[in-house]
C-alpha atoms as a PDB file:
ATOM      1  CA  MET A   1     -21.908   0.160  24.376  1.00  0.00           C
ATOM      2  CA  THR A   2     -25.241   0.692  22.620  1.00  0.00           C
ATOM      3  CA  ILE A   3     -27.755   3.459  23.356  1.00  0.00           C
ATOM      4  CA  ASN A   4     -31.336   3.423  22.082  1.00  0.00           C
ATOM      5  CA  PHE A   5     -33.307   6.552  21.198  1.00  0.00           C
ATOM      6  CA  ASN A   6     -37.024   7.157  20.772  1.00  0.00           C
ATOM      7  CA  ASN A   7     -37.280  10.832  19.889  1.00  0.00           C
ATOM      8  CA  VAL A   8     -34.372  11.707  17.582  1.00  0.00           C
ATOM      9  CA  PHE A   9     -34.917  12.315  13.865  1.00  0.00           C
ATOM     10  CA  ILE A  10     -33.050  13.695  10.853  1.00  0.00           C
ATOM     11  CA  LYS A  11     -34.558  17.040   9.872  1.00  0.00           C
ATOM     12  CA  GLU A  12     -32.395  17.804   6.824  1.00  0.00           C
ATOM     13  CA  VAL A  13     -28.918  17.254   5.365  1.00  0.00           C
ATOM     14  CA  SER A  14     -26.552  18.997   2.954  1.00  0.00           C
ATOM     15  CA  ALA A  15     -23.362  18.069   1.131  1.00  0.00           C
ATOM     16  CA  VAL A  16     -20.823  20.146  -0.780  1.00  0.00           C
ATOM     17  CA  ALA A  17     -17.713  18.847  -2.535  1.00  0.00           C
ATOM     18  CA  SER A  18     -14.826  19.698  -4.835  1.00  0.00           C
ATOM     19  CA  PHE A  19     -14.045  18.715  -8.422  1.00  0.00           C
ATOM     20  CA  ASP A  20     -12.707  15.198  -7.818  1.00  0.00           C
ATOM     21  CA  GLU A  21     -15.848  14.282  -5.907  1.00  0.00           C
ATOM     22  CA  LYS A  22     -17.989  15.928  -8.599  1.00  0.00           C
ATOM     23  CA  LYS A  23     -16.470  13.506 -11.118  1.00  0.00           C
ATOM     24  CA  GLY A  24     -17.194  10.573  -8.809  1.00  0.00           C
ATOM     25  CA  THR A  25     -20.209   8.329  -8.300  1.00  0.00           C
ATOM     26  CA  PHE A  26     -22.495  10.842  -6.571  1.00  0.00           C
ATOM     27  CA  GLY A  27     -21.437  14.037  -8.329  1.00  0.00           C
ATOM     28  CA  LYS A  28     -24.966  14.956  -9.410  1.00  0.00           C
ATOM     29  CA  LEU A  29     -26.326  14.604  -5.869  1.00  0.00           C
ATOM     30  CA  TYR A  30     -24.217  17.231  -4.096  1.00  0.00           C
ATOM     31  CA  ASP A  31     -25.914  20.493  -3.214  1.00  0.00           C
ATOM     32  CA  LYS A  32     -22.911  22.470  -4.407  1.00  0.00           C
ATOM     33  CA  THR A  33     -19.547  21.703  -6.030  1.00  0.00           C
ATOM     34  CA  TYR A  34     -16.337  23.644  -6.587  1.00  0.00           C
ATOM     35  CA  ASP A  35     -13.839  23.718  -9.436  1.00  0.00           C
ATOM     36  CA  ASP A  36     -10.597  24.031  -7.466  1.00  0.00           C
ATOM     37  CA  TYR A  37      -9.068  23.550  -4.017  1.00  0.00           C
ATOM     38  CA  TYR A  38      -8.931  27.249  -3.084  1.00  0.00           C
ATOM     39  CA  LEU A  39     -12.579  28.308  -3.570  1.00  0.00           C
ATOM     40  CA  GLY A  40     -11.384  31.870  -4.062  1.00  0.00           C
ATOM     41  CA  CYS A  41      -9.580  31.881  -0.701  1.00  0.00           C
ATOM     42  CA  LYS A  42      -5.900  32.470   0.028  1.00  0.00           C
ATOM     43  CA  THR A  43      -5.217  29.136   1.742  1.00  0.00           C
ATOM     44  CA  PHE A  44      -6.548  25.580   1.775  1.00  0.00           C
ATOM     45  CA  GLU A  45      -7.624  25.932   5.403  1.00  0.00           C
ATOM     46  CA  GLN A  46      -9.649  29.040   4.610  1.00  0.00           C
ATOM     47  CA  ALA A  47     -11.191  27.174   1.677  1.00  0.00           C
ATOM     48  CA  GLU A  48     -12.297  24.395   4.032  1.00  0.00           C
ATOM     49  CA  ILE A  49     -13.854  26.960   6.367  1.00  0.00           C
ATOM     50  CA  LYS A  50     -15.763  28.380   3.392  1.00  0.00           C
ATOM     51  CA  MET A  51     -16.998  24.904   2.413  1.00  0.00           C
ATOM     52  CA  LEU A  52     -18.273  24.316   5.912  1.00  0.00           C
ATOM     53  CA  LYS A  53     -20.114  27.633   6.014  1.00  0.00           C
ATOM     54  CA  ASP A  54     -21.660  26.891   2.618  1.00  0.00           C
ATOM     55  CA  SER A  55     -22.807  23.508   3.870  1.00  0.00           C
ATOM     56  CA  VAL A  56     -24.451  25.072   6.919  1.00  0.00           C
ATOM     57  CA  ASP A  57     -26.160  27.776   4.840  1.00  0.00           C
ATOM     58  CA  LEU A  58     -27.554  25.075   2.572  1.00  0.00           C
ATOM     59  CA  VAL A  59     -28.905  22.812   5.321  1.00  0.00           C
ATOM     60  CA  LEU A  60     -30.542  25.778   7.051  1.00  0.00           C
ATOM     61  CA  GLY A  61     -32.097  26.905   3.792  1.00  0.00           C
ATOM     62  CA  LYS A  62     -33.364  23.434   2.897  1.00  0.00           C
ATOM     63  CA  SER A  63     -34.820  22.843   6.364  1.00  0.00           C
ATOM     64  CA  GLY A  64     -36.306  26.263   6.993  1.00  0.00           C
ATOM     65  CA  VAL A  65     -34.564  26.302  10.377  1.00  0.00           C
ATOM     66  CA  LYS A  66     -32.923  29.580  11.392  1.00  0.00           C
ATOM     67  CA  ILE A  67     -29.481  29.578  12.985  1.00  0.00           C
ATOM     68  CA  ASN A  68     -30.900  30.965  16.244  1.00  0.00           C
ATOM     69  CA  GLU A  69     -33.185  27.919  16.393  1.00  0.00           C
ATOM     70  CA  ILE A  70     -30.144  25.628  16.584  1.00  0.00           C
ATOM     71  CA  ASP A  71     -29.601  24.709  20.232  1.00  0.00           C
ATOM     72  CA  ALA A  72     -26.060  23.366  19.757  1.00  0.00           C
ATOM     73  CA  VAL A  73     -23.470  22.912  17.012  1.00  0.00           C
ATOM     74  CA  ILE A  74     -21.108  19.915  16.920  1.00  0.00           C
ATOM     75  CA  GLY A  75     -18.194  20.022  14.497  1.00  0.00           C
ATOM     76  CA  ALA A  76     -15.266  17.856  13.432  1.00  0.00           C
ATOM     77  CA  ASP A  77     -12.452  17.955  10.884  1.00  0.00           C
ATOM     78  CA  LEU A  78      -8.838  16.821  10.484  1.00  0.00           C
ATOM     79  CA  SER A  79      -7.090  20.142  11.084  1.00  0.00           C
ATOM     80  CA  ASN A  80      -4.941  20.620  14.159  1.00  0.00           C
ATOM     81  CA  GLN A  81      -7.093  21.474  17.172  1.00  0.00           C
ATOM     82  CA  GLY A  82     -10.195  21.241  14.968  1.00  0.00           C
ATOM     83  CA  ALA A  83      -9.433  24.762  13.821  1.00  0.00           C
ATOM     84  CA  VAL A  84     -11.646  24.707  10.722  1.00  0.00           C
ATOM     85  CA  ASN A  85     -14.856  24.082  12.651  1.00  0.00           C
ATOM     86  CA  SER A  86     -13.776  26.348  15.499  1.00  0.00           C
ATOM     87  CA  TYR A  87     -13.237  29.310  13.169  1.00  0.00           C
ATOM     88  CA  ALA A  88     -16.459  28.691  11.260  1.00  0.00           C
ATOM     89  CA  SER A  89     -18.499  28.273  14.437  1.00  0.00           C
ATOM     90  CA  VAL A  90     -17.629  31.779  15.600  1.00  0.00           C
ATOM     91  CA  ASP A  91     -19.948  33.076  12.878  1.00  0.00           C
ATOM     92  CA  PHE A  92     -22.745  30.720  13.916  1.00  0.00           C
ATOM     93  CA  ASN A  93     -22.781  32.260  17.418  1.00  0.00           C
ATOM     94  CA  ARG A  94     -24.345  29.150  18.934  1.00  0.00           C
ATOM     95  CA  PRO A  95     -23.216  26.784  21.739  1.00  0.00           C
ATOM     96  CA  TYR A  96     -20.449  24.693  20.188  1.00  0.00           C
ATOM     97  CA  LEU A  97     -18.759  21.331  20.806  1.00  0.00           C
ATOM     98  CA  GLY A  98     -15.668  20.473  18.777  1.00  0.00           C
ATOM     99  CA  LEU A  99     -14.561  16.858  18.654  1.00  0.00           C
ATOM    100  CA  TYR A 100     -11.947  14.660  17.027  1.00  0.00           C
ATOM    101  CA  ASN A 101     -12.271  11.010  16.159  1.00  0.00           C
ATOM    102  CA  ALA A 102     -10.616  11.204  12.746  1.00  0.00           C
ATOM    103  CA  CYS A 103     -12.808   9.599  10.074  1.00  0.00           C
ATOM    104  CA  ALA A 104     -15.120   8.175  12.759  1.00  0.00           C
ATOM    105  CA  SER A 105     -16.186  11.686  13.739  1.00  0.00           C
ATOM    106  CA  MET A 106     -19.497  11.710  11.864  1.00  0.00           C
ATOM    107  CA  CYS A 107     -20.965   8.875  13.919  1.00  0.00           C
ATOM    108  CA  GLU A 108     -19.506  10.282  17.135  1.00  0.00           C
ATOM    109  CA  GLU A 109     -21.414  13.474  16.374  1.00  0.00           C
ATOM    110  CA  PHE A 110     -24.603  11.427  16.041  1.00  0.00           C
ATOM    111  CA  ILE A 111     -23.903   9.819  19.410  1.00  0.00           C
ATOM    112  CA  ILE A 112     -23.416  13.135  21.184  1.00  0.00           C
ATOM    113  CA  GLY A 113     -26.130  15.034  19.319  1.00  0.00           C
ATOM    114  CA  SER A 114     -28.745  12.321  19.832  1.00  0.00           C
ATOM    115  CA  SER A 115     -27.855  12.047  23.506  1.00  0.00           C
ATOM    116  CA  LEU A 116     -28.279  15.797  23.965  1.00  0.00           C
ATOM    117  CA  LEU A 117     -31.688  15.752  22.324  1.00  0.00           C
ATOM    118  CA  GLN A 118     -32.878  12.760  24.327  1.00  0.00           C
ATOM    119  CA  SER A 119     -31.680  13.972  27.713  1.00  0.00           C
ATOM    120  CA  ARG A 120     -32.135  17.743  27.494  1.00  0.00           C
ATOM    121  CA  PRO A 121     -35.082  19.984  26.544  1.00  0.00           C
ATOM    122  CA  LEU A 122     -33.508  20.776  23.156  1.00  0.00           C
ATOM    123  CA  LYS A 123     -35.097  20.770  19.712  1.00  0.00           C
ATOM    124  CA  ASN A 124     -32.369  21.065  17.060  1.00  0.00           C
ATOM    125  CA  VAL A 125     -28.681  20.098  16.974  1.00  0.00           C
ATOM    126  CA  LEU A 126     -26.469  20.855  13.978  1.00  0.00           C
ATOM    127  CA  LEU A 127     -23.736  18.339  13.023  1.00  0.00           C
ATOM    128  CA  ASN A 128     -20.868  19.414  10.737  1.00  0.00           C
ATOM    129  CA  VAL A 129     -17.952  17.467   9.275  1.00  0.00           C
ATOM    130  CA  SER A 130     -15.359  18.528   6.744  1.00  0.00           C
ATOM    131  CA  SER A 131     -12.057  17.483   5.203  1.00  0.00           C
ATOM    132  CA  HIS A 132      -9.712  18.851   2.540  1.00  0.00           C
ATOM    133  CA  ASN A 133      -7.245  16.803   0.557  1.00  0.00           C
ATOM    134  CA  MET A 134      -4.451  19.347   0.647  1.00  0.00           C
ATOM    135  CA  THR A 135      -4.661  20.207   4.341  1.00  0.00           C
ATOM    136  CA  ALA A 136      -4.860  16.549   5.374  1.00  0.00           C
ATOM    137  CA  GLU A 137      -2.017  15.332   3.163  1.00  0.00           C
ATOM    138  CA  ARG A 138       0.271  18.084   4.407  1.00  0.00           C
ATOM    139  CA  GLN A 139      -0.587  17.394   8.028  1.00  0.00           C
ATOM    140  CA  PHE A 140      -0.530  13.604   8.166  1.00  0.00           C
ATOM    141  CA  ARG A 141       1.832  12.525   5.393  1.00  0.00           C
ATOM    142  CA  ASN A 142       3.693  14.775   2.937  1.00  0.00           C
ATOM    143  CA  PRO A 143       2.585  17.871   1.021  1.00  0.00           C
ATOM    144  CA  VAL A 144       1.371  16.918  -2.457  1.00  0.00           C
ATOM    145  CA  GLU A 145       4.077  19.157  -3.948  1.00  0.00           C
ATOM    146  CA  TYR A 146       6.678  16.871  -2.378  1.00  0.00           C
ATOM    147  CA  GLY A 147       5.821  14.318  -5.032  1.00  0.00           C
ATOM    148  CA  CYS A 148       5.970  11.286  -2.755  1.00  0.00           C
ATOM    149  CA  PRO A 149       4.664   8.204  -4.621  1.00  0.00           C
ATOM    150  CA  LYS A 150       1.823   6.408  -2.895  1.00  0.00           C
ATOM    151  CA  PRO A 151       1.154   2.664  -2.751  1.00  0.00           C
ATOM    152  CA  LYS A 152      -2.049   1.152  -4.143  1.00  0.00           C
ATOM    153  CA  ARG A 153      -3.354   0.547  -0.624  1.00  0.00           C
ATOM    154  CA  SER A 154      -3.384   4.287   0.178  1.00  0.00           C
ATOM    155  CA  THR A 155      -6.563   6.359   0.104  1.00  0.00           C
ATOM    156  CA  PHE A 156      -7.348   9.860  -1.142  1.00  0.00           C
ATOM    157  CA  THR A 157      -8.688  12.431   1.321  1.00  0.00           C
ATOM    158  CA  VAL A 158     -12.086  13.723   0.264  1.00  0.00           C
ATOM    159  CA  THR A 159     -12.518  17.472  -0.168  1.00  0.00           C
ATOM    160  CA  GLY A 160     -15.969  18.367   1.030  1.00  0.00           C
ATOM    161  CA  SER A 161     -18.235  19.315   3.878  1.00  0.00           C
ATOM    162  CA  ALA A 162     -21.558  17.916   5.082  1.00  0.00           C
ATOM    163  CA  SER A 163     -24.150  19.057   7.595  1.00  0.00           C
ATOM    164  CA  CYS A 164     -27.107  17.412   9.315  1.00  0.00           C
ATOM    165  CA  ILE A 165     -29.810  18.798  11.573  1.00  0.00           C
ATOM    166  CA  LEU A 166     -30.985  16.351  14.218  1.00  0.00           C
ATOM    167  CA  THR A 167     -34.324  17.198  15.779  1.00  0.00           C
ATOM    168  CA  THR A 168     -36.969  15.990  18.209  1.00  0.00           C
ATOM    169  CA  GLU A 169     -39.596  16.910  15.619  1.00  0.00           C
ATOM    170  CA  LYS A 170     -40.884  13.733  13.985  1.00  0.00           C
ATOM    171  CA  THR A 171     -39.700  13.201  10.397  1.00  0.00           C
ATOM    172  CA  ASN A 172     -39.533  10.160   8.133  1.00  0.00           C
ATOM    173  CA  ILE A 173     -35.994   9.116   9.183  1.00  0.00           C
ATOM    174  CA  LYS A 174     -35.265   8.189  12.797  1.00  0.00           C
ATOM    175  CA  VAL A 175     -32.025   7.592  14.704  1.00  0.00           C
ATOM    176  CA  THR A 176     -32.935   4.418  16.584  1.00  0.00           C
ATOM    177  CA  SER A 177     -29.641   3.424  18.190  1.00  0.00           C
ATOM    178  CA  VAL A 178     -25.905   4.120  18.335  1.00  0.00           C
ATOM    179  CA  SER A 179     -22.976   1.980  19.415  1.00  0.00           C
ATOM    180  CA  ILE A 180     -19.863   3.510  20.940  1.00  0.00           C
ATOM    181  CA  GLY A 181     -16.747   1.726  19.729  1.00  0.00           C
ATOM    182  CA  THR A 182     -13.697   0.555  21.652  1.00  0.00           C
ATOM    183  CA  PRO A 183     -10.155   1.497  20.544  1.00  0.00           C
ATOM    184  CA  THR A 184      -8.417  -1.351  18.729  1.00  0.00           C
ATOM    185  CA  ASP A 185      -4.735  -1.742  17.870  1.00  0.00           C
ATOM    186  CA  LEU A 186      -3.421  -4.794  16.016  1.00  0.00           C
ATOM    187  CA  GLY A 187       0.073  -3.404  15.538  1.00  0.00           C
ATOM    188  CA  VAL A 188      -0.129  -1.817  12.069  1.00  0.00           C
ATOM    189  CA  THR A 189       2.377   1.027  11.637  1.00  0.00           C
ATOM    190  CA  ASP A 190       1.886   1.903   7.949  1.00  0.00           C
ATOM    191  CA  ALA A 191       0.276   5.355   7.709  1.00  0.00           C
ATOM    192  CA  TYR A 192      -0.794   4.578   4.155  1.00  0.00           C
ATOM    193  CA  ASP A 193      -2.582   1.330   5.040  1.00  0.00           C
ATOM    194  CA  MET A 194      -5.672   2.692   6.749  1.00  0.00           C
ATOM    195  CA  GLY A 195      -7.805  -0.263   5.689  1.00  0.00           C
ATOM    196  CA  SER A 196      -5.719  -2.711   7.724  1.00  0.00           C
ATOM    197  CA  VAL A 197      -5.690  -0.302  10.661  1.00  0.00           C
ATOM    198  CA  MET A 198      -9.446   0.261  10.833  1.00  0.00           C
ATOM    199  CA  ALA A 199     -11.048  -3.002   9.679  1.00  0.00           C
ATOM    200  CA  PRO A 200     -10.650  -4.763  13.077  1.00  0.00           C
ATOM    201  CA  SER A 201     -12.340  -1.939  15.004  1.00  0.00           C
ATOM    202  CA  ALA A 202     -15.162  -1.873  12.448  1.00  0.00           C
ATOM    203  CA  GLY A 203     -15.626  -5.612  12.895  1.00  0.00           C
ATOM    204  CA  ARG A 204     -15.703  -5.358  16.662  1.00  0.00           C
ATOM    205  CA  THR A 205     -18.251  -2.542  16.630  1.00  0.00           C
ATOM    206  CA  ILE A 206     -20.517  -4.324  14.153  1.00  0.00           C
ATOM    207  CA  TYR A 207     -20.374  -7.523  16.200  1.00  0.00           C
ATOM    208  CA  GLU A 208     -21.114  -5.731  19.471  1.00  0.00           C
ATOM    209  CA  HIS A 209     -23.947  -3.769  17.861  1.00  0.00           C
ATOM    210  CA  PHE A 210     -25.544  -6.992  16.635  1.00  0.00           C
ATOM    211  CA  LEU A 211     -25.108  -8.555  20.067  1.00  0.00           C
ATOM    212  CA  GLU A 212     -26.535  -5.667  22.065  1.00  0.00           C
ATOM    213  CA  THR A 213     -29.429  -4.877  19.723  1.00  0.00           C
ATOM    214  CA  LYS A 214     -30.232  -8.560  19.104  1.00  0.00           C
ATOM    215  CA  THR A 215     -30.056  -8.002  15.357  1.00  0.00           C
ATOM    216  CA  LYS A 216     -28.255  -9.759  12.507  1.00  0.00           C
ATOM    217  CA  VAL A 217     -26.909  -8.961   9.050  1.00  0.00           C
ATOM    218  CA  ASP A 218     -30.213  -9.602   7.277  1.00  0.00           C
ATOM    219  CA  ASP A 219     -32.019  -7.081   9.493  1.00  0.00           C
ATOM    220  CA  TYR A 220     -30.279  -4.264   7.592  1.00  0.00           C
ATOM    221  CA  ASP A 221     -30.687  -3.206   3.983  1.00  0.00           C
ATOM    222  CA  VAL A 222     -27.176  -1.748   3.928  1.00  0.00           C
ATOM    223  CA  ILE A 223     -24.212  -1.809   6.311  1.00  0.00           C
ATOM    224  CA  LEU A 224     -22.161   1.184   5.202  1.00  0.00           C
ATOM    225  CA  THR A 225     -18.637   1.598   6.536  1.00  0.00           C
ATOM    226  CA  GLY A 226     -16.500   4.660   6.068  1.00  0.00           C
ATOM    227  CA  ASP A 227     -13.845   4.574   5.126  1.00  0.00           C
ATOM    228  CA  LEU A 228     -11.900   1.371   4.672  1.00  0.00           C
ATOM    229  CA  GLY A 229     -11.127   1.510   0.963  1.00  0.00           C
ATOM    230  CA  VAL A 230     -11.364  -1.496  -1.343  1.00  0.00           C
ATOM    231  CA  TYR A 231      -8.661  -3.480   0.455  1.00  0.00           C
ATOM    232  CA  GLY A 232      -9.914  -2.662   3.933  1.00  0.00           C
ATOM    233  CA  LYS A 233     -13.414  -3.708   2.899  1.00  0.00           C
ATOM    234  CA  ASP A 234     -12.119  -7.134   1.882  1.00  0.00           C
ATOM    235  CA  ILE A 235     -10.157  -7.396   5.131  1.00  0.00           C
ATOM    236  CA  LEU A 236     -13.306  -6.605   7.132  1.00  0.00           C
ATOM    237  CA  LYS A 237     -15.273  -9.347   5.369  1.00  0.00           C
ATOM    238  CA  GLU A 238     -12.599 -11.928   6.162  1.00  0.00           C
ATOM    239  CA  TYR A 239     -12.111 -10.628   9.706  1.00  0.00           C
ATOM    240  CA  MET A 240     -15.843 -10.957  10.451  1.00  0.00           C
ATOM    241  CA  LYS A 241     -15.892 -14.522   9.175  1.00  0.00           C
ATOM    242  CA  GLU A 242     -12.769 -15.685  10.980  1.00  0.00           C
ATOM    243  CA  THR A 243     -13.258 -13.794  14.264  1.00  0.00           C
ATOM    244  CA  TYR A 244     -17.030 -13.758  14.744  1.00  0.00           C
ATOM    245  CA  ASP A 245     -18.306 -16.339  12.227  1.00  0.00           C
ATOM    246  CA  ILE A 246     -20.445 -13.643  10.600  1.00  0.00           C
ATOM    247  CA  ASP A 247     -20.931 -13.390   6.847  1.00  0.00           C
ATOM    248  CA  LEU A 248     -21.721  -9.806   5.860  1.00  0.00           C
ATOM    249  CA  LYS A 249     -22.910 -11.101   2.481  1.00  0.00           C
ATOM    250  CA  ASN A 250     -23.846  -8.438  -0.037  1.00  0.00           C
ATOM    251  CA  LYS A 251     -25.090  -6.071   2.666  1.00  0.00           C
ATOM    252  CA  LEU A 252     -21.654  -4.503   3.239  1.00  0.00           C
ATOM    253  CA  GLU A 253     -20.747  -1.370   1.335  1.00  0.00           C
ATOM    254  CA  ASP A 254     -17.938   1.063   1.972  1.00  0.00           C
ATOM    255  CA  ALA A 255     -18.164   4.803   1.340  1.00  0.00           C
ATOM    256  CA  ALA A 256     -14.481   5.072   0.467  1.00  0.00           C
ATOM    257  CA  SER A 257     -14.826   2.355  -2.158  1.00  0.00           C
ATOM    258  CA  ILE A 258     -17.774   3.925  -3.972  1.00  0.00           C
ATOM    259  CA  ILE A 259     -17.444   7.706  -3.632  1.00  0.00           C
ATOM    260  CA  TYR A 260     -15.087   7.888  -6.626  1.00  0.00           C
ATOM    261  CA  ASP A 261     -15.087   6.211 -10.021  1.00  0.00           C
ATOM    262  CA  ARG A 262     -11.825   4.341  -9.444  1.00  0.00           C
ATOM    263  CA  LYS A 263     -11.562   3.149 -13.046  1.00  0.00           C
ATOM    264  CA  LYS A 264     -11.548   6.718 -14.354  1.00  0.00           C
ATOM    265  CA  GLN A 265      -9.932   8.335 -11.291  1.00  0.00           C
ATOM    266  CA  GLY A 266      -6.875   6.173 -10.776  1.00  0.00           C
ATOM    267  CA  HIS A 267      -5.135   8.727  -8.570  1.00  0.00           C
ATOM    268  CA  VAL A 268      -7.536   7.948  -5.709  1.00  0.00           C
ATOM    269  CA  LYS A 269      -5.890   4.502  -5.343  1.00  0.00           C
ATOM    270  CA  ALA A 270      -7.938   2.421  -2.841  1.00  0.00           C
ATOM    271  CA  GLY A 271     -10.695   5.044  -2.547  1.00  0.00           C
ATOM    272  CA  GLY A 272     -11.639   7.988  -0.388  1.00  0.00           C
ATOM    273  CA  SER A 273     -10.957   8.957   3.226  1.00  0.00           C
ATOM    274  CA  GLY A 274     -11.537  11.820   5.647  1.00  0.00           C
ATOM    275  CA  PRO A 275     -14.413  12.722   8.001  1.00  0.00           C
ATOM    276  CA  ALA A 276     -16.473  14.001   5.056  1.00  0.00           C
ATOM    277  CA  CYS A 277     -16.245  10.733   3.092  1.00  0.00           C
ATOM    278  CA  LEU A 278     -18.977   8.753   4.859  1.00  0.00           C
ATOM    279  CA  ALA A 279     -21.103  11.881   5.277  1.00  0.00           C
ATOM    280  CA  LEU A 280     -21.016  12.766   1.557  1.00  0.00           C
ATOM    281  CA  VAL A 281     -22.265   9.289   0.652  1.00  0.00           C
ATOM    282  CA  THR A 282     -24.818   9.101   3.488  1.00  0.00           C
ATOM    283  CA  TYR A 283     -26.284  12.578   3.019  1.00  0.00           C
ATOM    284  CA  THR A 284     -26.736  12.057  -0.721  1.00  0.00           C
ATOM    285  CA  ASP A 285     -27.308   8.474  -1.835  1.00  0.00           C
ATOM    286  CA  ILE A 286     -28.411   6.836   1.436  1.00  0.00           C
ATOM    287  CA  ILE A 287     -30.736   9.583   2.666  1.00  0.00           C
ATOM    288  CA  ASN A 288     -32.308   9.929  -0.795  1.00  0.00           C
ATOM    289  CA  ARG A 289     -32.979   6.198  -0.960  1.00  0.00           C
ATOM    290  CA  MET A 290     -34.477   6.232   2.521  1.00  0.00           C
ATOM    291  CA  LYS A 291     -36.723   9.160   1.623  1.00  0.00           C
ATOM    292  CA  ASN A 292     -37.852   7.226  -1.445  1.00  0.00           C
ATOM    293  CA  LYS A 293     -38.509   4.134   0.743  1.00  0.00           C
ATOM    294  CA  GLU A 294     -35.923   2.088  -1.189  1.00  0.00           C
ATOM    295  CA  LEU A 295     -34.134   1.440   2.104  1.00  0.00           C
ATOM    296  CA  SER A 296     -35.799   0.983   5.477  1.00  0.00           C
ATOM    297  CA  ARG A 297     -32.935   0.279   7.885  1.00  0.00           C
ATOM    298  CA  VAL A 298     -29.275   1.253   7.466  1.00  0.00           C
ATOM    299  CA  LEU A 299     -26.313   0.721   9.766  1.00  0.00           C
ATOM    300  CA  LEU A 300     -23.612   3.370   9.409  1.00  0.00           C
ATOM    301  CA  VAL A 301     -20.172   2.425  10.747  1.00  0.00           C
ATOM    302  CA  ALA A 302     -17.697   5.311  10.742  1.00  0.00           C
ATOM    303  CA  THR A 303     -14.091   4.137  10.999  1.00  0.00           C
ATOM    304  CA  GLY A 304     -11.217   6.282  12.241  1.00  0.00           C
ATOM    305  CA  ALA A 305      -7.452   5.898  12.506  1.00  0.00           C
ATOM    306  CA  LEU A 306      -6.330   7.640  15.679  1.00  0.00           C
ATOM    307  CA  MET A 307      -2.924   8.445  14.279  1.00  0.00           C
ATOM    308  CA  SER A 308      -0.556  11.294  14.979  1.00  0.00           C
ATOM    309  CA  PRO A 309       2.450  12.176  12.806  1.00  0.00           C
ATOM    310  CA  THR A 310       4.502  12.554  15.982  1.00  0.00           C
ATOM    311  CA  MET A 311       3.616   9.081  17.249  1.00  0.00           C
ATOM    312  CA  ASN A 312       3.998   7.608  13.787  1.00  0.00           C
ATOM    313  CA  ASN A 313       7.494   9.067  13.505  1.00  0.00           C
ATOM    314  CA  GLN A 314       8.259   7.249  16.762  1.00  0.00           C
ATOM    315  CA  ARG A 315       7.235   4.043  14.926  1.00  0.00           C
ATOM    316  CA  LEU A 316       4.321   3.373  17.224  1.00  0.00           C
ATOM    317  CA  SER A 317       1.403   1.371  15.872  1.00  0.00           C
ATOM    318  CA  ILE A 318      -1.862   3.087  14.945  1.00  0.00           C
ATOM    319  CA  PRO A 319      -4.996   2.590  17.088  1.00  0.00           C
ATOM    320  CA  SER A 320      -8.414   2.789  15.466  1.00  0.00           C
ATOM    321  CA  ILE A 321     -11.984   3.421  16.539  1.00  0.00           C
ATOM    322  CA  SER A 322     -15.360   2.752  14.926  1.00  0.00           C
ATOM    323  CA  HIS A 323     -18.805   3.939  15.973  1.00  0.00           C
ATOM    324  CA  ALA A 324     -22.162   2.765  14.609  1.00  0.00           C
ATOM    325  CA  VAL A 325     -25.469   4.559  13.984  1.00  0.00           C
ATOM    326  CA  CYS A 326     -28.708   2.862  12.999  1.00  0.00           C
ATOM    327  CA  LEU A 327     -31.127   4.864  10.853  1.00  0.00           C
ATOM    328  CA  GLU A 328     -34.663   3.667  10.168  1.00  0.00           C
ATOM    329  CA  VAL A 329     -37.509   4.902   8.019  1.00  0.00           C
ATOM    330  CA  VAL A 330     -40.520   5.811  10.117  1.00  0.00           C
ATOM    331  CA  LYS A 331     -43.522   3.728   9.076  1.00  0.00           C
END
């Protein structure tokens, strides 16, 4: 299902990340980086809360918007019950919506935030996403200290936080449309093989977005997925050709595949993952290139594995979801 917007714009963005991300492809573009996983806090979860607060402070400072001028806050992360954003949002003291769509959360936030701005007399909505390698690995797989070897197809959870202010005030980057994805399950049970899990839902969402917006591959400068990893990206290309007879050509890029320097950072395996992965690439490289008029239309496709350790231990397959957001430079 696709929704079109005519009065939703990106006011400002921010991105903070840890040391692995600093060593990656976009290390010089982050607003702030950290040298360890604790950030001076006692626990990894508290460190993630600190990252999120830093990200919000930065986007408010860059935009000149005060926290009391934010009409609503929408937050997402991988912690149980979305605890990281819930705890951080207490300090913001603004109306708050917490959501969970795994690594597809960033685009779901755009869907909800844009809809609020279009349908209600609101001016500014703040979107926050975060993830932390240590909290995610402990929750969904095994603690890092366990020493469990990982296959090459596995991905590495990004440690970072990113924020975006959506506004009805006209800026040079507009949210023109969003497509709500449909859950897809092709029977994959491997919790390490997120690329195979999510590629089919990404393909379906891209196809339906093209169909409903009457656009095609060449209408976009970049189609950026997040986060399939290098193997999932290849699967998506083949899936689009075989299922929909669509060649994504050289327009397809994947945030997970490019956020790290995989040749120098071999421990990341197939690339990045986590709700912050797509956001860290979008709010640095993509937004900068749109501001510089190097890109005019970008399709973001956030991909999420709707897995639960409990269900996975019952050997159930893993459903996935993908949502799409179209950003355009205002001419």
